[in-house]
C-alpha atoms as a PDB file:
ATOM      1  CA  MET A   1      12.957 -21.816  13.682  1.00  0.00           C
ATOM      2  CA  MET A   2      12.511 -18.152  13.553  1.00  0.00           C
ATOM      3  CA  SER A   3      11.433 -15.952  16.556  1.00  0.00           C
ATOM      4  CA  VAL A   4       9.986 -12.424  16.605  1.00  0.00           C
ATOM      5  CA  THR A   5      10.028 -10.262  19.648  1.00  0.00           C
ATOM      6  CA  PRO A   6       8.918  -6.700  20.164  1.00  0.00           C
ATOM      7  CA  ILE A   7      11.170  -3.775  21.030  1.00  0.00           C
ATOM      8  CA  ALA A   8       9.023  -0.997  22.562  1.00  0.00           C
ATOM      9  CA  ALA A   9       9.628   2.528  21.240  1.00  0.00           C
ATOM     10  CA  PHE A  10       7.933   5.883  21.789  1.00  0.00           C
ATOM     11  CA  GLN A  11       4.483   5.686  23.266  1.00  0.00           C
ATOM     12  CA  ASP A  12       3.131   2.632  21.521  1.00  0.00           C
ATOM     13  CA  ASN A  13       5.338   1.574  18.723  1.00  0.00           C
ATOM     14  CA  TYR A  14       6.852  -1.794  18.273  1.00  0.00           C
ATOM     15  CA  ILE A  15      10.093  -2.462  16.539  1.00  0.00           C
ATOM     16  CA  TRP A  16      10.035  -6.148  15.649  1.00  0.00           C
ATOM     17  CA  LEU A  17      13.261  -8.020  16.060  1.00  0.00           C
ATOM     18  CA  ILE A  18      13.568 -11.273  13.911  1.00  0.00           C
ATOM     19  CA  GLN A  19      16.054 -13.928  14.906  1.00  0.00           C
ATOM     20  CA  SER A  20      16.724 -17.582  13.741  1.00  0.00           C
ATOM     21  CA  ASP A  21      17.608 -20.124  16.301  1.00  0.00           C
ATOM     22  CA  GLY A  22      21.352 -20.522  16.914  1.00  0.00           C
ATOM     23  CA  SER A  23      22.122 -17.186  15.181  1.00  0.00           C
ATOM     24  CA  ASN A  24      23.460 -13.900  16.748  1.00  0.00           C
ATOM     25  CA  ALA A  25      22.608 -11.978  13.549  1.00  0.00           C
ATOM     26  CA  VAL A  26      19.148 -10.329  13.543  1.00  0.00           C
ATOM     27  CA  ALA A  27      16.834  -8.172  11.550  1.00  0.00           C
ATOM     28  CA  VAL A  28      14.528  -5.359  12.723  1.00  0.00           C
ATOM     29  CA  VAL A  29      11.409  -3.901  11.198  1.00  0.00           C
ATOM     30  CA  ASP A  30      10.765  -0.181  11.107  1.00  0.00           C
ATOM     31  CA  PRO A  31      13.286   1.075  13.706  1.00  0.00           C
ATOM     32  CA  GLY A  32      11.845   4.609  14.368  1.00  0.00           C
ATOM     33  CA  ASP A  33      14.240   4.996  17.296  1.00  0.00           C
ATOM     34  CA  ALA A  34      17.801   3.654  17.329  1.00  0.00           C
ATOM     35  CA  THR A  35      18.280   3.743  21.105  1.00  0.00           C
ATOM     36  CA  PRO A  36      16.079   0.895  22.247  1.00  0.00           C
ATOM     37  CA  VAL A  37      17.336  -1.292  19.306  1.00  0.00           C
ATOM     38  CA  ILE A  38      20.945  -0.643  20.344  1.00  0.00           C
ATOM     39  CA  GLU A  39      20.177  -1.445  23.907  1.00  0.00           C
ATOM     40  CA  VAL A  40      18.685  -4.758  23.026  1.00  0.00           C
ATOM     41  CA  LEU A  41      21.513  -5.621  20.607  1.00  0.00           C
ATOM     42  CA  GLU A  42      24.284  -4.791  23.086  1.00  0.00           C
ATOM     43  CA  SER A  43      22.602  -6.486  26.019  1.00  0.00           C
ATOM     44  CA  ARG A  44      22.072  -9.761  24.191  1.00  0.00           C
ATOM     45  CA  GLY A  45      25.258  -9.816  22.183  1.00  0.00           C
ATOM     46  CA  LEU A  46      23.412  -9.560  18.898  1.00  0.00           C
ATOM     47  CA  THR A  47      24.486  -8.206  15.433  1.00  0.00           C
ATOM     48  CA  LEU A  48      22.158  -6.207  13.251  1.00  0.00           C
ATOM     49  CA  ASP A  49      22.410  -7.481   9.732  1.00  0.00           C
ATOM     50  CA  THR A  50      19.071  -6.436   8.050  1.00  0.00           C
ATOM     51  CA  ILE A  51      16.520  -3.699   8.474  1.00  0.00           C
ATOM     52  CA  LEU A  52      13.096  -3.753   6.860  1.00  0.00           C
ATOM     53  CA  ILE A  53      11.241  -0.515   6.211  1.00  0.00           C
ATOM     54  CA  THR A  54       7.421  -0.461   5.494  1.00  0.00           C
ATOM     55  CA  HIS A  55       7.038   3.243   4.712  1.00  0.00           C
ATOM     56  CA  HIS A  56       8.482   6.732   5.294  1.00  0.00           C
ATOM     57  CA  HIS A  57       6.924   8.038   8.354  1.00  0.00           C
ATOM     58  CA  LYS A  58       9.581   9.159  10.981  1.00  0.00           C
ATOM     59  CA  ASP A  59       8.342   6.720  13.712  1.00  0.00           C
ATOM     60  CA  HIS A  60       9.276   3.919  11.384  1.00  0.00           C
ATOM     61  CA  THR A  61      12.579   5.344   9.903  1.00  0.00           C
ATOM     62  CA  GLY A  62      13.932   7.805  12.435  1.00  0.00           C
ATOM     63  CA  GLY A  63      16.547   5.282  13.726  1.00  0.00           C
ATOM     64  CA  LEU A  64      17.988   4.413  10.301  1.00  0.00           C
ATOM     65  CA  PRO A  65      20.868   6.896  10.164  1.00  0.00           C
ATOM     66  CA  GLU A  66      22.312   5.855  13.502  1.00  0.00           C
ATOM     67  CA  LEU A  67      21.765   2.188  13.030  1.00  0.00           C
ATOM     68  CA  VAL A  68      23.384   2.158   9.453  1.00  0.00           C
ATOM     69  CA  LYS A  69      26.361   4.083  10.727  1.00  0.00           C
ATOM     70  CA  ARG A  70      26.984   1.795  13.677  1.00  0.00           C
ATOM     71  CA  TYR A  71      26.190  -1.635  12.114  1.00  0.00           C
ATOM     72  CA  GLN A  72      26.251  -1.311   8.344  1.00  0.00           C
ATOM     73  CA  PRO A  73      23.207  -3.505   7.824  1.00  0.00           C
ATOM     74  CA  ARG A  74      21.442  -4.382   4.714  1.00  0.00           C
ATOM     75  CA  VAL A  75      18.404  -2.039   4.433  1.00  0.00           C
ATOM     76  CA  ILE A  76      15.364  -3.102   2.383  1.00  0.00           C
ATOM     77  CA  GLY A  77      12.458  -0.778   1.846  1.00  0.00           C
ATOM     78  CA  PRO A  78      10.089   0.897  -0.681  1.00  0.00           C
ATOM     79  CA  HIS A  79      10.803   2.928  -3.792  1.00  0.00           C
ATOM     80  CA  ASN A  80      10.668   6.295  -2.038  1.00  0.00           C
ATOM     81  CA  PRO A  81      13.732   8.458  -2.524  1.00  0.00           C
ATOM     82  CA  ALA A  82      12.672  10.357   0.631  1.00  0.00           C
ATOM     83  CA  ILE A  83      13.859   7.516   2.690  1.00  0.00           C
ATOM     84  CA  GLN A  84      17.679   7.690   2.805  1.00  0.00           C
ATOM     85  CA  ASP A  85      19.948   4.736   3.600  1.00  0.00           C
ATOM     86  CA  ILE A  86      17.810   2.146   1.753  1.00  0.00           C
ATOM     87  CA  ASP A  87      20.126   0.045  -0.444  1.00  0.00           C
ATOM     88  CA  GLU A  88      17.601  -2.558  -1.670  1.00  0.00           C
ATOM     89  CA  ARG A  89      14.306  -0.928  -2.916  1.00  0.00           C
ATOM     90  CA  VAL A  90      11.579  -3.384  -3.484  1.00  0.00           C
ATOM     91  CA  ALA A  91       8.068  -3.556  -4.944  1.00  0.00           C
ATOM     92  CA  GLN A  92       5.038  -5.882  -5.403  1.00  0.00           C
ATOM     93  CA  GLY A  93       6.175  -9.467  -5.817  1.00  0.00           C
ATOM     94  CA  ASP A  94       9.829  -8.946  -5.112  1.00  0.00           C
ATOM     95  CA  THR A  95      11.373 -11.680  -2.888  1.00  0.00           C
ATOM     96  CA  PHE A  96      14.506 -11.720  -0.599  1.00  0.00           C
ATOM     97  CA  ARG A  97      15.844 -13.862   2.133  1.00  0.00           C
ATOM     98  CA  VAL A  98      16.174 -12.969   5.772  1.00  0.00           C
ATOM     99  CA  GLN A  99      17.971 -15.468   8.108  1.00  0.00           C
ATOM    100  CA  GLY A 100      17.447 -18.026   5.326  1.00  0.00           C
ATOM    101  CA  ARG A 101      13.668 -17.555   5.072  1.00  0.00           C
ATOM    102  CA  LEU A 102      12.085 -16.274   1.883  1.00  0.00           C
ATOM    103  CA  PHE A 103      10.107 -13.069   2.199  1.00  0.00           C
ATOM    104  CA  GLU A 104       7.759 -11.564  -0.393  1.00  0.00           C
ATOM    105  CA  VAL A 105       6.879  -7.938  -0.799  1.00  0.00           C
ATOM    106  CA  MET A 106       3.243  -6.746  -1.024  1.00  0.00           C
ATOM    107  CA  GLU A 107       2.381  -3.204  -2.036  1.00  0.00           C
ATOM    108  CA  VAL A 108      -0.337  -2.023   0.389  1.00  0.00           C
ATOM    109  CA  PRO A 109      -0.973   1.775  -0.251  1.00  0.00           C
ATOM    110  CA  GLY A 110      -3.588   3.587   1.659  1.00  0.00           C
ATOM    111  CA  HIS A 111      -2.028   4.839   4.899  1.00  0.00           C
ATOM    112  CA  THR A 112       0.779   6.121   2.633  1.00  0.00           C
ATOM    113  CA  LEU A 113       1.418   5.744  -1.042  1.00  0.00           C
ATOM    114  CA  ASP A 114       4.812   4.022  -0.547  1.00  0.00           C
ATOM    115  CA  HIS A 115       3.591   1.500   1.986  1.00  0.00           C
ATOM    116  CA  ILE A 116       4.767  -2.138   1.618  1.00  0.00           C
ATOM    117  CA  ALA A 117       4.306  -5.194   3.833  1.00  0.00           C
ATOM    118  CA  PHE A 118       6.551  -8.172   4.128  1.00  0.00           C
ATOM    119  CA  VAL A 119       5.179 -11.669   4.299  1.00  0.00           C
ATOM    120  CA  THR A 120       6.754 -15.124   4.588  1.00  0.00           C
ATOM    121  CA  SER A 121       4.907 -18.448   4.309  1.00  0.00           C
ATOM    122  CA  GLY A 122       5.639 -21.133   6.931  1.00  0.00           C
ATOM    123  CA  MET A 123       4.110 -22.794   9.902  1.00  0.00           C
ATOM    124  CA  PRO A 124       2.830 -20.319  10.573  1.00  0.00           C
ATOM    125  CA  GLY A 125       3.498 -17.531   8.082  1.00  0.00           C
ATOM    126  CA  LEU A 126       4.559 -14.067   9.277  1.00  0.00           C
ATOM    127  CA  LEU A 127       3.192 -10.725   8.140  1.00  0.00           C
ATOM    128  CA  PHE A 128       4.912  -7.474   8.949  1.00  0.00           C
ATOM    129  CA  CYS A 129       2.356  -4.799   7.935  1.00  0.00           C
ATOM    130  CA  GLY A 130       3.503  -1.519   9.532  1.00  0.00           C
ATOM    131  CA  ASP A 131       0.548   0.818   9.786  1.00  0.00           C
ATOM    132  CA  THR A 132      -1.756  -0.831   7.149  1.00  0.00           C
ATOM    133  CA  LEU A 133      -3.349  -3.454   9.302  1.00  0.00           C
ATOM    134  CA  PHE A 134      -3.736  -3.295  13.082  1.00  0.00           C
ATOM    135  CA  SER A 135      -5.408  -5.779  15.393  1.00  0.00           C
ATOM    136  CA  GLY A 136      -8.923  -4.692  15.183  1.00  0.00           C
ATOM    137  CA  GLY A 137      -8.272  -1.675  12.964  1.00  0.00           C
ATOM    138  CA  CYS A 138      -6.371  -0.156  10.095  1.00  0.00           C
ATOM    139  CA  GLY A 139      -4.169   2.897   9.524  1.00  0.00           C
ATOM    140  CA  ARG A 140      -5.515   6.363   8.715  1.00  0.00           C
ATOM    141  CA  LEU A 141      -5.627   7.567   5.195  1.00  0.00           C
ATOM    142  CA  PHE A 142      -2.813  10.185   5.134  1.00  0.00           C
ATOM    143  CA  GLU A 143      -1.939   9.844   1.501  1.00  0.00           C
ATOM    144  CA  GLY A 144      -4.013   7.100  -0.273  1.00  0.00           C
ATOM    145  CA  THR A 145      -7.632   6.599  -0.893  1.00  0.00           C
ATOM    146  CA  ALA A 146     -10.336   4.568   0.762  1.00  0.00           C
ATOM    147  CA  GLN A 147     -10.315   2.347  -2.380  1.00  0.00           C
ATOM    148  CA  GLN A 148      -6.666   1.808  -2.062  1.00  0.00           C
ATOM    149  CA  MET A 149      -6.753   0.885   1.553  1.00  0.00           C
ATOM    150  CA  HIS A 150      -9.812  -1.401   1.016  1.00  0.00           C
ATOM    151  CA  ASP A 151      -7.936  -3.240  -1.712  1.00  0.00           C
ATOM    152  CA  SER A 152      -4.803  -3.591   0.341  1.00  0.00           C
ATOM    153  CA  LEU A 153      -6.647  -4.930   3.314  1.00  0.00           C
ATOM    154  CA  SER A 154      -8.670  -7.373   1.166  1.00  0.00           C
ATOM    155  CA  ARG A 155      -5.347  -8.728  -0.013  1.00  0.00           C
ATOM    156  CA  LEU A 156      -3.931  -9.093   3.453  1.00  0.00           C
ATOM    157  CA  ALA A 157      -7.142 -10.685   4.692  1.00  0.00           C
ATOM    158  CA  ALA A 158      -6.774 -13.318   1.901  1.00  0.00           C
ATOM    159  CA  LEU A 159      -3.467 -14.616   3.324  1.00  0.00           C
ATOM    160  CA  PRO A 160      -3.602 -18.035   5.110  1.00  0.00           C
ATOM    161  CA  GLU A 161      -5.643 -17.768   8.233  1.00  0.00           C
ATOM    162  CA  ASP A 162      -2.865 -18.958  10.571  1.00  0.00           C
ATOM    163  CA  THR A 163      -0.513 -16.106   9.358  1.00  0.00           C
ATOM    164  CA  LEU A 164       0.822 -14.161  12.356  1.00  0.00           C
ATOM    165  CA  VAL A 165       0.175 -10.362  12.073  1.00  0.00           C
ATOM    166  CA  PHE A 166       2.806  -7.997  13.396  1.00  0.00           C
ATOM    167  CA  PRO A 167       1.639  -4.383  13.165  1.00  0.00           C
ATOM    168  CA  ALA A 168       3.761  -1.602  14.330  1.00  0.00           C
ATOM    169  CA  HIS A 169       1.543  -0.063  17.126  1.00  0.00           C
ATOM    170  CA  GLU A 170      -0.128  -1.182  20.291  1.00  0.00           C
ATOM    171  CA  TYR A 171      -3.624   0.059  19.265  1.00  0.00           C
ATOM    172  CA  THR A 172      -5.599  -3.019  20.029  1.00  0.00           C
ATOM    173  CA  LEU A 173      -7.859  -1.954  22.964  1.00  0.00           C
ATOM    174  CA  ALA A 174      -8.732   1.267  21.309  1.00  0.00           C
ATOM    175  CA  ASN A 175      -9.537  -0.454  18.035  1.00  0.00           C
ATOM    176  CA  LEU A 176     -11.696  -3.038  19.856  1.00  0.00           C
ATOM    177  CA  ALA A 177     -13.638  -0.305  21.487  1.00  0.00           C
ATOM    178  CA  PHE A 178     -14.491   1.086  18.044  1.00  0.00           C
ATOM    179  CA  ALA A 179     -15.216  -2.487  16.742  1.00  0.00           C
ATOM    180  CA  HIS A 180     -17.879  -2.926  19.576  1.00  0.00           C
ATOM    181  CA  ALA A 181     -19.501   0.379  18.317  1.00  0.00           C
ATOM    182  CA  ALA A 182     -19.395  -0.593  14.747  1.00  0.00           C
ATOM    183  CA  GLU A 183     -20.525  -4.138  15.216  1.00  0.00           C
ATOM    184  CA  PRO A 184     -22.341  -4.529  18.590  1.00  0.00           C
ATOM    185  CA  ASP A 185     -23.810  -7.891  17.821  1.00  0.00           C
ATOM    186  CA  ASN A 186     -20.353  -9.525  17.239  1.00  0.00           C
ATOM    187  CA  LYS A 187     -20.172 -11.541  20.393  1.00  0.00           C
ATOM    188  CA  LEU A 188     -16.524 -12.733  19.750  1.00  0.00           C
ATOM    189  CA  LEU A 189     -15.437  -9.134  20.455  1.00  0.00           C
ATOM    190  CA  ASP A 190     -16.366  -9.649  24.227  1.00  0.00           C
ATOM    191  CA  ASP A 191     -13.903 -12.554  24.607  1.00  0.00           C
ATOM    192  CA  VAL A 192     -11.142 -10.956  22.615  1.00  0.00           C
ATOM    193  CA  THR A 193     -11.422  -7.701  24.430  1.00  0.00           C
ATOM    194  CA  ALA A 194     -11.360  -9.411  27.901  1.00  0.00           C
ATOM    195  CA  ASP A 195      -8.246 -11.420  26.827  1.00  0.00           C
ATOM    196  CA  CYS A 196      -6.420  -8.346  25.528  1.00  0.00           C
ATOM    197  CA  GLU A 197      -7.273  -6.311  28.617  1.00  0.00           C
ATOM    198  CA  ASN A 198      -5.845  -9.027  30.791  1.00  0.00           C
ATOM    199  CA  THR A 199      -2.782  -9.273  28.526  1.00  0.00           C
ATOM    200  CA  ARG A 200      -2.146  -5.635  28.811  1.00  0.00           C
ATOM    201  CA  SER A 201      -2.745  -5.615  32.642  1.00  0.00           C
ATOM    202  CA  LEU A 202       0.305  -7.972  32.784  1.00  0.00           C
ATOM    203  CA  GLY A 203       2.304  -5.460  30.752  1.00  0.00           C
ATOM    204  CA  ARG A 204       2.469  -7.798  27.664  1.00  0.00           C
ATOM    205  CA  PRO A 205       1.774  -6.958  23.987  1.00  0.00           C
ATOM    206  CA  THR A 206      -1.567  -7.942  22.516  1.00  0.00           C
ATOM    207  CA  LEU A 207       0.373  -8.682  19.341  1.00  0.00           C
ATOM    208  CA  PRO A 208       0.826 -10.699  17.248  1.00  0.00           C
ATOM    209  CA  SER A 209      -2.669 -11.368  16.096  1.00  0.00           C
ATOM    210  CA  ASN A 210      -3.528 -13.668  13.211  1.00  0.00           C
ATOM    211  CA  ILE A 211      -5.439 -13.362  10.026  1.00  0.00           C
ATOM    212  CA  ASN A 212      -8.227 -15.679  11.190  1.00  0.00           C
ATOM    213  CA  ARG A 213      -8.880 -13.620  14.258  1.00  0.00           C
ATOM    214  CA  GLU A 214      -8.845 -10.324  12.216  1.00  0.00           C
ATOM    215  CA  ARG A 215     -11.295 -11.682   9.764  1.00  0.00           C
ATOM    216  CA  HIS A 216     -13.697 -12.266  12.702  1.00  0.00           C
ATOM    217  CA  ILE A 217     -13.200  -9.114  14.780  1.00  0.00           C
ATOM    218  CA  ASN A 218     -11.723  -6.386  12.560  1.00  0.00           C
ATOM    219  CA  PRO A 219     -14.589  -4.200  11.104  1.00  0.00           C
ATOM    220  CA  PHE A 220     -12.375  -2.913   8.382  1.00  0.00           C
ATOM    221  CA  LEU A 221     -11.957  -6.529   7.087  1.00  0.00           C
ATOM    222  CA  ARG A 222     -15.729  -7.045   7.522  1.00  0.00           C
ATOM    223  CA  SER A 223     -17.189  -4.221   5.625  1.00  0.00           C
ATOM    224  CA  ALA A 224     -19.108  -6.709   3.371  1.00  0.00           C
ATOM    225  CA  ASN A 225     -20.871  -8.116   6.286  1.00  0.00           C
ATOM    226  CA  PRO A 226     -24.619  -7.493   6.014  1.00  0.00           C
ATOM    227  CA  ALA A 227     -25.229  -7.015   9.720  1.00  0.00           C
ATOM    228  CA  LEU A 228     -22.335  -4.586   9.930  1.00  0.00           C
ATOM    229  CA  GLN A 229     -23.770  -2.618   6.930  1.00  0.00           C
ATOM    230  CA  ARG A 230     -27.226  -2.651   8.446  1.00  0.00           C
ATOM    231  CA  HIS A 231     -25.810  -1.084  11.716  1.00  0.00           C
ATOM    232  CA  LEU A 232     -24.142   1.585   9.705  1.00  0.00           C
ATOM    233  CA  VAL A 233     -27.453   2.435   8.111  1.00  0.00           C
ATOM    234  CA  GLN A 234     -29.089   2.539  11.499  1.00  0.00           C
ATOM    235  CA  GLU A 235     -26.372   4.953  12.704  1.00  0.00           C
ATOM    236  CA  GLY A 236     -26.983   7.159   9.748  1.00  0.00           C
ATOM    237  CA  ARG A 237     -23.465   6.561   8.372  1.00  0.00           C
ATOM    238  CA  LEU A 238     -24.385   4.573   5.256  1.00  0.00           C
ATOM    239  CA  SER A 239     -27.087   4.910   2.647  1.00  0.00           C
ATOM    240  CA  ALA A 240     -29.873   2.164   2.822  1.00  0.00           C
ATOM    241  CA  SER A 241     -29.052   1.259  -0.706  1.00  0.00           C
ATOM    242  CA  SER A 242     -26.499  -1.315   0.485  1.00  0.00           C
ATOM    243  CA  ASP A 243     -27.293  -3.857  -2.194  1.00  0.00           C
ATOM    244  CA  GLN A 244     -24.929  -1.935  -4.541  1.00  0.00           C
ATOM    245  CA  GLU A 245     -21.978  -3.735  -5.945  1.00  0.00           C
ATOM    246  CA  ASP A 246     -19.631  -1.354  -4.168  1.00  0.00           C
ATOM    247  CA  SER A 247     -21.450  -1.618  -0.717  1.00  0.00           C
ATOM    248  CA  ALA A 248     -18.421  -3.049   0.822  1.00  0.00           C
ATOM    249  CA  LEU A 249     -16.273  -0.124  -0.291  1.00  0.00           C
ATOM    250  CA  LEU A 250     -18.945   2.349   0.928  1.00  0.00           C
ATOM    251  CA  ALA A 251     -19.195   0.685   4.213  1.00  0.00           C
ATOM    252  CA  PHE A 252     -15.402   0.615   4.536  1.00  0.00           C
ATOM    253  CA  THR A 253     -15.316   4.424   3.726  1.00  0.00           C
ATOM    254  CA  ALA A 254     -18.079   5.047   6.305  1.00  0.00           C
ATOM    255  CA  LEU A 255     -16.195   3.094   9.004  1.00  0.00           C
ATOM    256  CA  ARG A 256     -12.824   4.895   8.350  1.00  0.00           C
ATOM    257  CA  GLN A 257     -14.541   8.373   8.555  1.00  0.00           C
ATOM    258  CA  TRP A 258     -16.314   7.215  11.777  1.00  0.00           C
ATOM    259  CA  LYS A 259     -13.086   5.939  13.370  1.00  0.00           C
ATOM    260  CA  ASP A 260     -11.280   9.152  12.450  1.00  0.00           C
ATOM    261  CA  ASN A 261     -13.580  10.958  14.896  1.00  0.00           C
ATOM    262  CA  PHE A 262     -14.311   8.285  17.389  1.00  0.00           C
END
């Protein structure tokens, strides 16, 4: 069995720690800060043997130099020479093993052009998606286009519904507030929001989510939904000609622009 636990960093980042039962060797995903990772490793007697990097932003890579110097782990990440210390650069469809489990690389540009995600099948599957997919939301378009992000999210949404989703930030409640505004008739949002508010009141992460839940609550995965599109038209954020073939992309673009200033 493989366990995944969060290491909190900065204000709202999660560095995910991956460990197989009975092993002291672990992997971490997107260590933006080395200090909390070292603290966990030392306190639990663990050895860092692998680091996975989804994209180049400093809150995902800032801890790399210190961790590489201290532990000499294997570092797997995207084909971006701006990220130093990566020794295995991977792209769409590449596979590798961590703790004996096979992972596949998905290229998911949009938030950044170099963004990749790591997915492993299983019972359930695991998805480490960095800043592409959040619970109830998605990343800002810093480098890519709306078309790229829409395509990337569509591919993630097509993963098996029980796949656990491990984003890199605790943005869930803020995202759900926007989801309520974008799709006020989605009654499932009330139950999910109440559950997440209770979870946060106990000091616990709202993550992981799963693909099935995101398909039902995340407006950025639901841009083809007629009711959501009608509400965007009512809000004056989408043209009434929503019967166009590209209506889902137009709705997605309107949602992302709305969320940027929400």
